Protein backbone atom coordinates (compact mmCIF):
# COMPACT_ATOMS: atom_id res chain seq x y z
CA MET A 1 -28.38 124.00 13.89
CA ARG A 2 -26.54 120.76 14.31
CA LYS A 3 -26.35 120.38 10.81
CA ALA A 4 -25.43 123.58 9.48
CA LEU A 5 -22.38 124.34 12.09
CA LEU A 6 -18.62 123.07 12.33
CA MET A 7 -17.26 122.69 15.53
CA LEU A 8 -14.29 124.62 15.45
CA VAL A 9 -12.98 124.22 18.95
CA ILE A 10 -12.28 121.46 21.16
CA MET A 11 -15.50 120.42 23.25
CA LEU A 12 -14.53 118.09 25.99
CA PRO A 13 -17.06 116.13 28.09
CA ALA A 14 -18.36 118.10 30.97
CA MET A 15 -16.36 116.35 33.61
CA PHE A 16 -13.66 118.30 32.10
CA SER A 17 -15.31 122.12 31.78
CA GLY A 18 -14.86 124.82 34.16
CA CYS A 19 -16.13 127.66 35.64
CA PHE A 20 -14.96 131.47 35.52
CA GLY A 21 -16.10 134.50 37.59
CA GLU A 22 -15.32 138.10 37.28
CA ASP A 23 -12.52 137.82 39.30
CA GLU A 24 -9.02 136.71 37.47
CA ILE A 25 -8.11 133.38 37.93
CA VAL A 26 -4.39 132.27 37.90
CA ALA A 27 -4.26 128.19 37.06
CA ALA A 28 -1.32 126.32 38.28
CA PRO A 29 0.96 125.43 35.35
CA VAL A 30 -0.18 121.72 34.18
CA GLU A 31 2.25 119.63 32.14
CA GLU A 32 1.62 118.52 28.96
CA SER A 33 1.08 114.59 29.12
CA ALA A 34 2.99 112.12 27.15
CA TYR A 35 -0.09 110.02 27.27
CA PRO A 36 -2.81 112.59 26.49
CA GLN A 37 -6.50 111.16 26.48
CA PRO A 38 -8.18 110.98 23.18
CA TRP A 39 -10.15 113.97 23.94
CA GLU A 40 -6.84 115.71 24.46
CA ARG A 41 -5.41 114.62 20.64
CA SER A 42 -7.35 116.76 17.97
CA ASP A 43 -4.31 119.39 17.50
CA LEU A 44 -1.66 116.55 17.21
CA THR A 45 -0.23 116.32 14.28
CA TYR A 46 -0.31 112.79 12.83
CA VAL A 47 0.68 111.22 9.72
CA ASP A 48 -2.22 110.30 7.04
CA ALA A 49 -0.29 109.52 3.98
CA ASP A 50 0.28 105.73 5.01
CA ASP A 51 -2.16 102.62 4.63
CA PHE A 52 -2.80 102.70 8.38
CA SER A 53 -1.68 105.25 11.08
CA ARG A 54 2.01 106.14 13.12
CA VAL A 55 2.32 106.40 16.32
CA THR A 56 3.48 110.62 16.96
CA VAL A 57 7.37 109.59 18.48
CA ASN A 58 9.04 107.12 16.86
CA GLY A 59 10.61 104.82 18.68
CA SER A 60 14.79 104.12 18.99
CA HIS A 61 15.39 100.80 18.18
CA GLY A 62 15.73 99.21 15.34
CA ILE A 63 14.30 96.02 14.10
CA ASP A 64 15.96 92.40 13.84
CA ALA A 65 15.57 89.86 11.27
CA VAL A 66 12.93 87.88 11.62
CA ARG A 67 13.08 84.49 13.58
CA SER A 68 10.92 81.37 12.25
CA VAL A 69 9.55 79.48 15.13
CA PHE A 70 8.02 76.24 15.49
CA VAL A 71 6.26 76.08 19.23
CA ASP A 72 5.27 72.54 20.15
CA VAL A 73 2.12 71.28 21.77
CA PRO A 74 2.06 68.38 23.65
CA THR A 75 -1.37 68.82 24.52
CA ILE A 76 -2.67 67.45 21.19
CA THR A 77 -2.79 63.65 21.72
CA ALA A 78 -3.75 60.51 19.55
CA ALA A 79 -7.17 60.62 20.60
CA ASP A 80 -7.63 64.36 19.10
CA GLY A 81 -6.28 62.45 15.58
CA GLY A 82 -4.49 64.66 12.88
CA ALA A 83 -0.65 64.93 14.36
CA GLY A 84 -1.50 64.02 17.53
CA LEU A 85 -1.04 60.36 15.82
CA THR A 86 2.17 61.06 15.43
CA GLY A 87 2.80 63.50 18.22
CA ASP A 88 4.31 66.08 17.00
CA ALA A 89 1.96 68.78 16.45
CA VAL A 90 3.56 72.39 16.00
CA VAL A 91 2.23 75.98 15.68
CA HIS A 92 4.31 78.00 13.57
CA LEU A 93 5.54 81.85 14.24
CA GLY A 94 7.45 84.70 12.63
CA LEU A 95 8.78 86.96 15.41
CA TRP A 96 10.46 90.15 15.00
CA LEU A 97 12.29 91.54 17.95
CA PRO A 98 14.08 94.74 18.69
CA VAL A 99 17.76 95.53 18.02
CA ILE A 100 18.85 96.97 21.76
CA GLU A 101 22.21 97.62 22.05
CA GLY A 102 24.30 95.14 24.82
CA CYS A 103 21.23 92.55 24.33
CA ASP A 104 21.83 89.18 22.57
CA TRP A 105 18.44 87.46 22.22
CA GLU A 106 20.24 84.08 21.90
CA ALA A 107 21.92 84.47 25.26
CA ALA A 108 20.70 82.41 28.65
CA ASN A 109 20.69 85.15 30.99
CA LEU A 110 19.79 88.72 30.20
CA SER A 111 19.66 91.78 32.49
CA GLU A 112 16.55 93.24 32.81
CA ASP A 113 16.91 96.52 30.56
CA CYS A 114 16.91 93.71 27.96
CA LEU A 115 13.80 92.20 28.44
CA VAL A 116 10.76 92.79 25.78
CA PRO A 117 6.88 92.02 25.96
CA VAL A 118 5.30 90.55 23.01
CA ILE A 119 2.28 91.49 20.66
CA ALA A 120 0.96 88.52 18.56
CA GLU A 121 -1.29 88.55 16.06
CA ILE A 122 -2.89 84.89 15.56
CA GLY A 123 -5.36 83.91 12.51
CA PRO A 124 -5.52 81.68 9.83
CA TYR A 125 -4.21 83.95 6.63
CA TYR A 126 -0.78 83.34 6.64
CA ASN A 127 0.14 81.21 3.48
CA ASP A 128 -3.78 81.02 3.06
CA GLY A 129 -4.58 84.54 0.98
CA ASP A 130 -2.08 86.17 2.75
CA VAL A 131 1.73 86.51 3.07
CA ASP A 132 3.40 83.67 5.21
CA ALA A 133 4.31 84.38 8.39
CA LEU A 134 7.53 85.39 8.03
CA THR A 135 6.58 88.35 5.68
CA PRO A 136 4.88 91.87 7.64
CA ALA A 137 1.18 91.27 7.00
CA ASP A 138 -0.82 94.45 5.46
CA ARG A 139 -3.51 93.81 7.24
CA LEU A 140 -1.72 94.25 10.42
CA GLY A 141 1.61 92.93 11.00
CA ARG A 142 3.35 95.51 9.30
CA PHE A 143 1.66 98.64 11.31
CA LEU A 144 2.31 96.31 14.80
CA ILE A 145 6.07 95.83 13.51
CA GLU A 146 6.85 99.28 12.32
CA ASN A 147 5.14 101.23 15.00
CA TYR A 148 6.14 99.03 18.11
CA VAL A 149 9.11 96.98 17.70
CA PRO A 150 10.91 100.14 17.45
CA HIS A 151 9.34 101.02 20.98
CA GLY A 152 10.88 98.05 22.43
CA TYR A 153 8.56 95.47 21.63
CA GLY A 154 8.38 91.67 20.26
CA VAL A 155 5.65 91.26 17.41
CA ALA A 156 4.68 87.44 16.66
CA GLN A 157 2.65 86.56 13.96
CA VAL A 158 1.03 82.97 14.44
CA SER A 159 -0.49 80.75 12.32
CA VAL A 160 -3.64 78.49 13.85
CA PHE A 161 -3.34 74.38 13.47
CA GLY A 162 -4.10 73.57 9.87
CA THR A 163 -2.92 76.71 8.41
CA GLY A 164 0.38 78.63 7.03
CA ASP A 165 3.41 76.45 8.45
CA SER A 166 1.89 75.12 11.11
CA ASN A 167 0.33 71.41 11.08
CA HIS A 168 -2.49 69.45 12.40
CA CYS A 169 -5.84 70.28 11.84
CA MET A 170 -8.11 73.34 10.81
CA ASP A 171 -10.11 73.24 13.78
CA LEU A 172 -12.09 76.37 13.28
CA MET A 173 -11.85 78.03 16.80
CA GLY A 174 -12.24 74.63 18.44
CA THR A 175 -10.10 73.10 21.75
CA ASP A 176 -7.51 71.86 19.39
CA GLU A 177 -7.03 75.49 18.03
CA GLN A 178 -7.45 77.05 21.67
CA ARG A 179 -4.54 74.52 23.00
CA GLY A 180 -2.44 75.71 20.12
CA ILE A 181 -2.48 79.47 20.62
CA ASP A 182 -2.35 78.59 24.36
CA ALA A 183 1.12 77.11 23.93
CA ALA A 184 2.19 79.84 21.55
CA VAL A 185 1.58 82.35 24.39
CA SER A 186 3.24 80.37 26.91
CA TRP A 187 6.16 79.97 24.68
CA LEU A 188 5.97 83.85 24.08
CA GLY A 189 5.88 84.86 27.39
CA SER A 190 8.81 82.14 29.39
CA GLN A 191 11.46 83.18 26.76
CA ALA A 192 14.92 84.67 28.21
CA TRP A 193 14.46 87.60 26.24
CA SER A 194 10.66 88.30 27.27
CA ASN A 195 9.04 90.18 30.19
CA GLY A 196 6.99 87.94 30.75
CA LYS A 197 3.73 89.39 29.37
CA VAL A 198 2.50 88.99 26.27
CA GLY A 199 -0.27 90.94 24.05
CA ILE A 200 -2.80 89.44 21.14
CA ILE A 201 -4.64 91.41 19.07
CA GLY A 202 -5.88 91.05 16.12
CA LYS A 203 -9.11 91.45 13.34
CA SER A 204 -12.33 89.33 12.37
CA TYR A 205 -10.41 85.26 13.38
CA ASP A 206 -7.41 87.20 13.94
CA GLY A 207 -9.86 89.14 16.71
CA SER A 208 -11.43 86.09 18.02
CA THR A 209 -8.11 84.36 18.96
CA PRO A 210 -7.36 86.84 21.53
CA TRP A 211 -11.00 85.40 23.34
CA GLN A 212 -9.93 82.04 22.82
CA ALA A 213 -6.76 82.86 24.76
CA ALA A 214 -8.28 84.18 27.24
CA THR A 215 -10.34 81.36 28.16
CA PHE A 216 -7.13 79.25 29.59
CA GLY A 217 -6.13 82.17 32.33
CA ASN A 218 -2.93 81.94 30.86
CA PRO A 219 -0.62 84.15 33.54
CA TYR A 220 2.03 85.48 30.54
CA LEU A 221 -1.08 86.85 28.91
CA ALA A 222 -1.20 90.47 30.06
CA THR A 223 -3.99 92.10 27.66
CA ILE A 224 -6.01 91.36 25.08
CA VAL A 225 -7.55 93.42 21.73
CA PRO A 226 -9.99 91.66 20.01
CA MET A 227 -11.55 93.68 17.05
CA SER A 228 -14.78 92.40 15.44
CA GLY A 229 -13.98 88.92 17.22
CA LEU A 230 -16.26 85.97 18.00
CA ILE A 231 -17.04 85.10 21.33
CA GLY A 232 -18.30 82.16 20.19
CA VAL A 233 -18.95 80.47 16.61
CA HIS A 234 -22.39 79.81 17.39
CA ASP A 235 -22.97 83.15 18.82
CA LEU A 236 -21.82 85.14 15.58
CA MET A 237 -24.10 82.99 12.85
CA TRP A 238 -27.15 82.48 15.11
CA ARG A 239 -29.30 85.26 16.47
CA ASN A 240 -32.23 84.01 18.31
CA GLY A 241 -32.80 81.26 16.61
CA SER A 242 -31.98 82.79 13.29
CA MET A 243 -29.24 81.66 10.89
CA GLU A 244 -26.85 83.89 8.89
CA ALA A 245 -26.30 82.07 5.20
CA ARG A 246 -23.23 80.99 6.41
CA GLY A 247 -23.77 79.31 9.19
CA MET A 248 -23.96 75.53 7.42
CA ILE A 249 -21.03 75.92 6.01
CA MET A 250 -18.49 77.78 7.47
CA HIS A 251 -16.24 75.46 9.35
CA ASN A 252 -15.88 72.89 6.42
CA GLY A 253 -16.80 75.07 2.86
CA VAL A 254 -15.01 77.93 4.53
CA TYR A 255 -12.10 77.41 6.30
CA GLY A 256 -11.67 73.60 6.13
CA SER A 257 -10.06 74.01 3.02
CA PHE A 258 -6.99 76.18 4.59
CA GLY A 259 -5.94 72.51 5.79
CA VAL A 260 -6.57 70.86 2.93
CA ASP A 261 -3.78 72.09 0.02
CA GLY A 262 -2.80 68.60 -1.90
CA ASP A 263 -0.03 67.96 0.28
CA ALA A 264 1.17 65.03 2.66
CA ALA A 265 -0.18 67.22 5.66
CA ASP A 266 -3.46 66.92 4.12
CA ALA A 267 -4.12 63.47 6.29
CA GLU A 268 -3.40 65.34 9.35
CA ASN A 269 -7.30 67.31 8.54
CA ILE A 270 -8.80 64.17 9.57
CA CYS A 271 -9.38 65.08 13.35
CA GLU A 272 -12.50 65.45 15.69
CA GLY A 273 -13.44 68.80 14.97
CA TYR A 274 -13.21 68.95 10.85
CA MET A 275 -15.55 65.88 10.94
CA GLU A 276 -18.32 67.02 13.22
CA GLY A 277 -18.20 70.35 11.51
CA TYR A 278 -20.53 68.42 8.36
CA ALA A 279 -22.96 67.52 10.94
CA MET A 280 -23.09 70.43 13.25
CA GLY A 281 -23.98 73.37 10.86
CA PRO A 282 -26.95 71.62 9.17
CA LEU A 283 -28.44 70.37 12.59
CA ALA A 284 -27.69 73.94 14.23
CA TYR A 285 -29.83 75.23 11.44
CA LEU A 286 -32.71 72.71 11.73
CA SER A 287 -32.95 73.45 15.81
CA GLY A 288 -31.75 76.64 15.75
CA GLY A 289 -30.13 76.50 18.90
CA MET A 290 -26.45 74.76 19.97
CA VAL A 291 -27.49 71.47 20.12
CA ASP A 292 -25.71 70.61 23.29
CA TYR A 293 -28.13 66.98 23.89
CA ALA A 294 -26.37 63.81 23.81
CA GLY A 295 -23.21 65.17 24.68
CA ASN A 296 -22.21 66.97 22.08
CA THR A 297 -20.30 69.79 22.54
CA TYR A 298 -19.01 71.13 19.03
CA TRP A 299 -20.79 74.71 19.58
CA THR A 300 -19.87 75.00 23.58
CA GLU A 301 -16.05 74.38 23.18
CA ARG A 302 -16.23 77.20 20.36
CA SER A 303 -17.77 79.19 22.83
CA PHE A 304 -15.62 81.80 24.66
CA LEU A 305 -16.98 84.44 26.98
CA ASP A 306 -17.96 82.20 30.06
CA ARG A 307 -14.34 80.77 30.34
CA VAL A 308 -12.96 84.40 29.51
CA VAL A 309 -15.08 85.79 32.61
CA GLU A 310 -13.94 82.54 34.76
CA ASN A 311 -10.60 82.55 34.25
CA TYR A 312 -9.08 85.60 32.55
CA ASN A 313 -6.53 87.75 34.59
CA GLY A 314 -5.73 90.52 32.26
CA SER A 315 -7.39 93.83 30.53
CA VAL A 316 -9.26 93.51 27.49
CA TYR A 317 -9.52 96.50 24.59
CA ILE A 318 -12.55 95.50 22.39
CA ILE A 319 -12.86 97.30 18.86
CA GLN A 320 -15.61 97.13 17.02
CA GLY A 321 -17.50 98.65 14.09
CA MET A 322 -20.98 99.80 14.54
CA GLN A 323 -21.70 99.40 10.60
CA ASP A 324 -20.11 95.58 11.21
CA TRP A 325 -22.87 93.31 9.55
CA ASN A 326 -19.35 90.70 8.82
CA VAL A 327 -19.36 90.04 13.02
CA ASP A 328 -22.35 92.06 14.14
CA PRO A 329 -21.80 94.44 17.00
CA HIS A 330 -23.48 92.08 19.39
CA MET A 331 -20.04 90.78 19.92
CA ALA A 332 -19.23 94.09 21.66
CA PHE A 333 -22.53 94.80 23.26
CA PRO A 334 -23.93 93.78 26.00
CA THR A 335 -19.89 92.38 26.18
CA HIS A 336 -18.33 94.98 27.15
CA GLN A 337 -20.56 95.30 30.46
CA ILE A 338 -20.36 91.45 31.25
CA VAL A 339 -16.22 91.61 31.36
CA ALA A 340 -16.31 95.06 33.18
CA ASP A 341 -18.45 93.71 35.43
CA ALA A 342 -16.46 90.37 36.12
CA GLY A 343 -13.88 93.08 37.64
CA ILE A 344 -11.38 92.81 34.51
CA GLU A 345 -10.14 96.43 32.70
CA THR A 346 -11.91 96.84 30.21
CA LYS A 347 -12.65 99.68 27.53
CA THR A 348 -14.58 99.37 24.23
CA LEU A 349 -13.63 101.53 21.07
CA ALA A 350 -16.63 101.71 18.60
CA GLY A 351 -17.14 103.37 15.59
CA GLN A 352 -19.25 104.05 12.46
CA TRP A 353 -16.95 101.82 10.19
CA ALA A 354 -17.96 98.09 8.84
CA HIS A 355 -15.40 94.85 9.21
CA ASP A 356 -12.55 97.08 9.04
CA TYR A 357 -9.71 98.67 11.63
CA PRO A 358 -10.07 102.27 13.11
CA ASP A 359 -7.88 103.94 10.29
CA ARG A 360 -7.82 102.51 6.70
CA ILE A 361 -9.33 105.09 4.48
CA SER A 362 -10.08 102.23 1.72
CA GLY A 363 -12.60 100.47 3.81
CA HIS A 364 -14.11 103.93 5.59
CA SER A 365 -14.59 105.81 2.36
CA SER A 366 -16.41 102.97 0.82
CA GLN A 367 -19.50 102.82 3.12
CA SER A 368 -23.03 103.40 1.76
CA PRO A 369 -25.50 105.27 3.31
CA GLY A 370 -26.91 104.29 6.26
CA ARG A 371 -23.86 102.08 6.74
CA GLY A 372 -21.50 104.36 7.76
CA ALA A 373 -21.07 107.12 5.12
CA GLU A 374 -22.81 109.50 7.14
CA ALA A 375 -20.31 109.36 9.82
CA TYR A 376 -17.05 109.53 7.38
CA PRO A 377 -14.65 111.08 7.02
CA TYR A 378 -14.74 111.04 11.13
CA THR A 379 -15.06 107.43 11.21
CA LEU A 380 -10.61 107.76 10.77
CA ARG A 381 -8.91 107.71 13.78
CA TRP A 382 -5.64 108.32 13.30
CA ASP A 383 -4.59 108.27 16.72
CA TRP A 384 -4.96 104.55 16.64
CA ALA A 385 -1.51 103.94 16.85
CA ASP A 386 -0.85 105.92 19.45
CA GLU A 387 -3.74 104.50 21.75
CA MET A 388 -2.68 100.98 21.22
CA LEU A 389 1.03 102.54 21.97
CA TYR A 390 -0.35 103.48 25.41
CA TRP A 391 -2.47 100.88 26.32
CA PHE A 392 0.58 98.43 25.89
CA ASP A 393 2.95 100.69 27.51
CA TRP A 394 0.53 100.40 30.19
CA TYR A 395 -0.61 96.72 30.56
CA LEU A 396 2.54 94.99 28.79
CA LYS A 397 5.60 97.40 30.30
CA GLY A 398 4.09 98.88 33.22
CA GLU A 399 5.10 102.76 32.03
CA GLY A 400 2.99 105.27 31.28
CA GLU A 401 -0.16 106.28 32.61
CA ALA A 402 -3.66 104.42 33.49
CA PRO A 403 -6.29 104.84 30.30
CA VAL A 404 -9.32 105.62 31.41
CA LEU A 405 -11.35 102.92 31.09
CA GLY A 406 -15.50 102.89 29.46
CA VAL A 407 -16.49 103.41 25.67
CA GLU A 408 -15.26 105.57 22.86
CA MET A 409 -18.68 105.69 21.18
CA GLN A 410 -19.56 107.36 17.53
CA ASP A 411 -22.90 107.92 16.45
CA ASN A 412 -24.24 107.19 13.06
CA ARG A 413 -23.95 111.15 12.15
CA GLY A 414 -19.99 111.11 13.12
CA GLY A 415 -20.00 112.38 16.95
CA TRP A 416 -17.31 111.07 19.26
CA ARG A 417 -18.32 110.65 22.90
CA PHE A 418 -16.74 109.23 25.57
CA GLU A 419 -19.17 107.24 28.49
CA SER A 420 -17.91 105.52 31.33
CA THR A 421 -20.34 102.55 30.12
CA TRP A 422 -22.93 101.46 27.38
CA PRO A 423 -25.54 101.86 27.44
CA SER A 424 -25.16 104.82 29.85
CA GLU A 425 -25.92 104.51 33.41
CA ASP A 426 -28.08 107.40 32.67
CA THR A 427 -30.03 105.79 30.00
CA GLU A 428 -34.06 106.58 30.29
CA TYR A 429 -36.20 103.98 28.20
CA LEU A 430 -38.99 104.95 27.03
CA SER A 431 -42.04 102.79 26.27
CA ILE A 432 -44.50 102.31 23.66
CA GLU A 433 -47.72 100.99 22.98
CA VAL A 434 -47.16 99.69 19.68
CA ASP A 435 -50.76 99.53 18.49
CA THR A 436 -50.71 103.26 19.38
CA LEU A 437 -48.39 103.37 16.55
CA GLY A 438 -50.43 102.79 13.46
CA PRO A 439 -49.75 99.03 12.80
CA SER A 440 -50.77 98.87 9.10
CA SER A 441 -52.23 95.43 9.80
CA GLY A 442 -52.86 92.57 12.84
CA SER A 443 -51.21 89.44 10.97
CA MET A 444 -48.31 88.58 8.34
CA ILE A 445 -47.93 85.63 6.46
CA PRO A 446 -45.09 84.21 4.89
CA ALA A 447 -45.05 85.99 1.16
CA VAL A 448 -41.66 87.50 0.49
CA THR A 449 -44.40 90.85 -0.09
CA GLY A 450 -45.86 90.36 2.90
CA GLN A 451 -45.04 93.26 5.71
CA ILE A 452 -46.52 95.48 8.22
CA THR A 453 -45.36 98.93 8.86
CA PHE A 454 -45.62 101.30 11.72
CA SER A 455 -43.93 104.58 13.01
CA TYR A 456 -43.24 106.63 15.91
CA GLY A 457 -42.71 110.26 15.81
CA PRO A 458 -41.59 113.14 15.50
CA PHE A 459 -39.59 113.65 18.50
CA GLU A 460 -39.78 116.91 19.86
CA ASN A 461 -36.04 117.26 21.04
CA ASP A 462 -32.68 116.35 19.58
CA THR A 463 -32.73 112.53 20.08
CA TYR A 464 -29.89 109.90 20.63
CA ILE A 465 -31.06 106.17 20.86
CA ALA A 466 -27.87 104.36 22.46
CA GLY A 467 -28.12 101.00 23.36
CA MET A 468 -30.52 97.49 21.94
CA PRO A 469 -33.67 98.84 21.58
CA THR A 470 -36.87 96.14 22.55
CA ILE A 471 -39.60 95.22 20.84
CA HIS A 472 -41.60 92.15 22.50
CA VAL A 473 -44.68 90.90 20.25
CA SER A 474 -47.36 89.00 20.88
CA ALA A 475 -48.03 86.39 18.57
CA THR A 476 -49.67 83.26 18.08
CA PRO A 477 -48.40 80.77 15.37
CA HIS A 478 -51.40 78.89 13.58
CA THR A 479 -49.03 75.75 13.18
CA THR A 480 -46.77 74.01 15.11
CA ASN A 481 -43.33 75.29 15.70
CA SER A 482 -44.28 78.23 13.09
CA GLY A 483 -42.53 81.81 12.62
CA HIS A 484 -39.85 84.17 11.78
CA ILE A 485 -39.88 87.69 12.26
CA PHE A 486 -37.62 90.30 11.09
CA ILE A 487 -37.87 93.69 11.89
CA GLU A 488 -35.93 96.86 10.77
CA MET A 489 -35.44 100.61 11.52
CA THR A 490 -35.33 103.36 9.54
CA ASP A 491 -35.52 107.31 9.27
CA ASP A 492 -37.01 109.62 7.38
CA SER A 493 -34.87 109.42 4.48
CA GLY A 494 -35.28 105.21 4.46
CA MET A 495 -32.12 105.46 6.26
CA HIS A 496 -31.18 101.96 7.73
CA LEU A 497 -30.91 102.61 11.62
CA GLY A 498 -30.81 99.03 13.14
CA HIS A 499 -32.86 95.49 13.02
CA ALA A 500 -34.08 92.68 15.05
CA VAL A 501 -34.64 89.43 14.04
CA MET A 502 -35.99 86.34 15.56
CA ASP A 503 -37.14 82.51 14.83
CA LEU A 504 -40.25 82.24 17.21
CA ARG A 505 -39.03 79.00 18.93
CA PHE A 506 -36.66 81.47 20.54
CA HIS A 507 -39.11 83.68 21.93
CA ALA A 508 -37.45 84.70 25.00
CA GLY A 509 -34.19 85.37 23.10
CA GLY A 510 -30.87 84.00 23.55
CA ARG A 511 -29.52 80.74 22.35
CA ASP A 512 -31.82 78.41 24.31
CA GLY A 513 -35.17 77.96 22.29
CA VAL A 514 -38.27 75.26 22.80
CA GLU A 515 -38.28 71.97 20.88
CA LEU A 516 -42.32 72.44 20.44
CA LEU A 517 -44.06 75.64 19.66
CA PRO A 518 -48.13 74.35 19.90
CA ALA A 519 -50.33 75.90 17.40
CA PHE A 520 -52.17 78.72 17.97
CA SER A 521 -50.64 79.11 21.90
CA THR A 522 -49.59 83.03 22.22
CA ILE A 523 -46.45 83.80 23.30
CA VAL A 524 -44.26 87.32 23.58
CA ALA A 525 -41.33 87.37 21.03
CA GLU A 526 -38.78 89.33 23.41
CA MET A 527 -36.94 90.98 20.28
CA GLU A 528 -33.87 93.11 20.81
CA PHE A 529 -32.48 94.92 18.45
CA MET A 530 -28.63 95.16 17.65
CA PRO A 531 -26.69 97.57 18.90
CA MET A 532 -27.28 101.31 17.94
CA ASP A 533 -26.27 104.85 18.54
CA VAL A 534 -28.72 107.00 16.10
CA PHE A 535 -28.90 110.92 16.52
CA LEU A 536 -32.28 111.98 15.38
CA SER A 537 -32.40 116.09 14.92
CA ALA A 538 -35.63 117.10 16.85
CA GLY A 539 -38.75 116.66 14.11
CA GLU A 540 -37.24 113.31 12.69
CA SER A 541 -39.37 110.23 13.42
CA ILE A 542 -38.67 106.22 12.86
CA TYR A 543 -39.90 103.80 10.79
CA PHE A 544 -40.74 100.22 11.33
CA LYS A 545 -41.04 97.06 8.73
CA VAL A 546 -42.21 93.70 9.89
CA THR A 547 -41.72 90.86 7.86
CA GLN A 548 -40.38 87.35 7.57
CA THR A 549 -36.52 87.75 7.42
CA GLY A 550 -34.19 90.18 6.04
CA GLU A 551 -30.40 91.08 5.93
CA ASP A 552 -28.74 87.73 5.20
CA TYR A 553 -30.62 85.78 7.42
CA VAL A 554 -31.82 82.68 5.89
CA PRO A 555 -35.63 81.81 6.75
CA SER A 556 -35.74 78.88 9.16
CA PRO A 557 -37.77 75.56 9.25
CA ALA A 558 -40.00 77.98 11.56
CA ALA A 559 -41.11 79.96 8.75
CA SER A 560 -43.35 77.99 7.14
CA GLY A 561 -46.72 78.73 8.53
CA ASP A 562 -48.48 81.91 9.05
CA TYR A 563 -48.85 83.46 12.27
CA SER A 564 -51.08 86.14 13.80
CA ILE A 565 -49.95 89.29 15.95
CA ASN A 566 -51.46 91.29 18.57
CA TRP A 567 -50.67 94.70 18.07
CA ALA A 568 -52.26 95.85 21.71
CA ALA A 569 -50.20 93.50 23.66
CA SER A 570 -46.88 94.02 21.75
CA THR A 571 -44.38 96.78 23.28
CA LEU A 572 -41.53 98.92 21.90
CA THR A 573 -39.00 100.31 24.19
CA LEU A 574 -36.65 102.92 23.02
CA PRO A 575 -33.34 103.64 25.03
CA ILE A 576 -32.64 107.05 24.78
CA VAL A 577 -29.65 109.41 26.29
CA GLU A 578 -29.30 112.95 26.29
CA ARG A 579 -26.36 114.66 24.99
CA THR A 580 -25.69 117.49 23.49
CA CYS A 581 -22.53 119.29 21.51
CA ASP A 582 -20.72 120.11 24.65
CA ASP A 583 -20.52 116.24 25.06
CA LEU A 584 -18.74 115.33 21.82
CA PHE A 585 -15.02 115.69 21.47
CA GLN A 586 -12.82 116.09 18.36
CA VAL A 587 -10.33 113.77 16.67
CA SER A 588 -7.62 114.70 14.88
CA MET A 589 -8.58 115.22 10.86
CA ILE A 590 -5.32 116.40 9.44
CA GLU A 591 -5.93 115.51 5.66
CA TYR A 592 -9.48 117.28 6.20
CA GLY A 593 -8.52 120.22 8.07
CA GLU A 594 -6.57 120.30 11.67
CA GLY A 595 -8.57 119.98 14.58
CA LEU A 596 -11.77 120.09 12.84
CA GLY A 597 -14.88 117.93 14.58
CA ARG A 598 -17.89 117.07 12.67
CA THR A 599 -21.02 119.13 11.80
CA CYS A 600 -22.73 119.26 15.08
């Protein structure tokens, strides 16, 4: 049984399996690769006693003293306000270079053996809730410096405008901030000691700066590794017109304070983006959309993905927690497919952790039921430092072996498998008329206790729901611009599996709604669940609860009236894939027993 057996051998994907007949087969000796793929690492020994993962082979170079660097940003002009008025806009960074015999980093002409690529971590937190940019940061900088500088990489910690020792305005991912990031990339890639290749990695806000950098098509930017990063600010805080609680105050209430700390530079925060932030949050709440009429570009300036697809010439490694409800997994899917379809070499690592790195015990071990606890400890990836080294070696040095591109996905019970894309190409879409599922009521009111329930199942076989299920709801608002729906999916135990949310003004999905939704006009709300990879044993069922709102979504102005639902004209669609234990691979779990997988 899946829940009773512990995998004691490495289970490789079917494409790696072989057939054996009665005759003895003598295989040619295969040289062990120095760059093993993820499914080849379960018997490797990793250090698991530190705060983060370590490379299995230490580099041979020392770590030079940190350098403090200010990079001029001449593209910030008087029209931008702030430091543009004085013409001295700069971003600040701390830089660590390796100690390589015979290489003088201050020399104008260096041999090719001395040239190094740079890995940068760029964000707003240096000296703002964390160490300064000249001190290795525990959140990621120390991991990068200690693992990769000895392997011949430079590492930079960069402060965005208005934070740390960078001047100008805290622009919350706006055009000014993007120009500052681009200037830092150009400086790092054009120095005499640089091999001309820069990679950017980071999580959360620091995972959004790689996307910002990639919008320019900067020739020095060779790879980005966004972890729980934003493909756009509006995309994060609005979902089908529904706003998260932080949406209205994100710029000025949360990050704007980073640029105001009581010193003489506070006046530089008076710039276009900062002033717009006071109005754009409330306006977006009222409309549910990007408020891009009358020449307003606040939100479109902070939307990155389209420009990345159009301009970027490097590679992308997306890392996403499938239980991250700070930066939801819809930042990774369908982003992976969009970027890959544009011809950009793309890989994604998606585990059942929350807003975290792939290798941090403190965060992974604290997850609650239905939010990653069932997958722990198999969420921990002690091979992550190696994984990043192999990636950087290939894309920043041109060394090693090309990574196998695709998606490493972990299901909610902890099993890891590799898919060429996600949702996989062999996904079958099960369509179900909702009225056959026994909805408990035919209409819904805004009352807090108002809800409708129904269920599907039991499943005859072990089942993976892997992708973004949809539910198309036929709804009739009883007043103008009325209606807000939240749907949660759970299992037999009541464990959260996924959710969907929609303002009925955005019934077609996406960021573009209708200005007027007439009363008593019937629409089809094309709701899509957040990405999920869920395993259900044979005999299990799934349950749905329909309410006005849930999670941290604020009931929109559209929630002021009731509406009726025609379940006979409503359809649930589940993305189903057939996978078995033979499709799973093991990760190294030294602390819990070398080479163990999860229960299967």
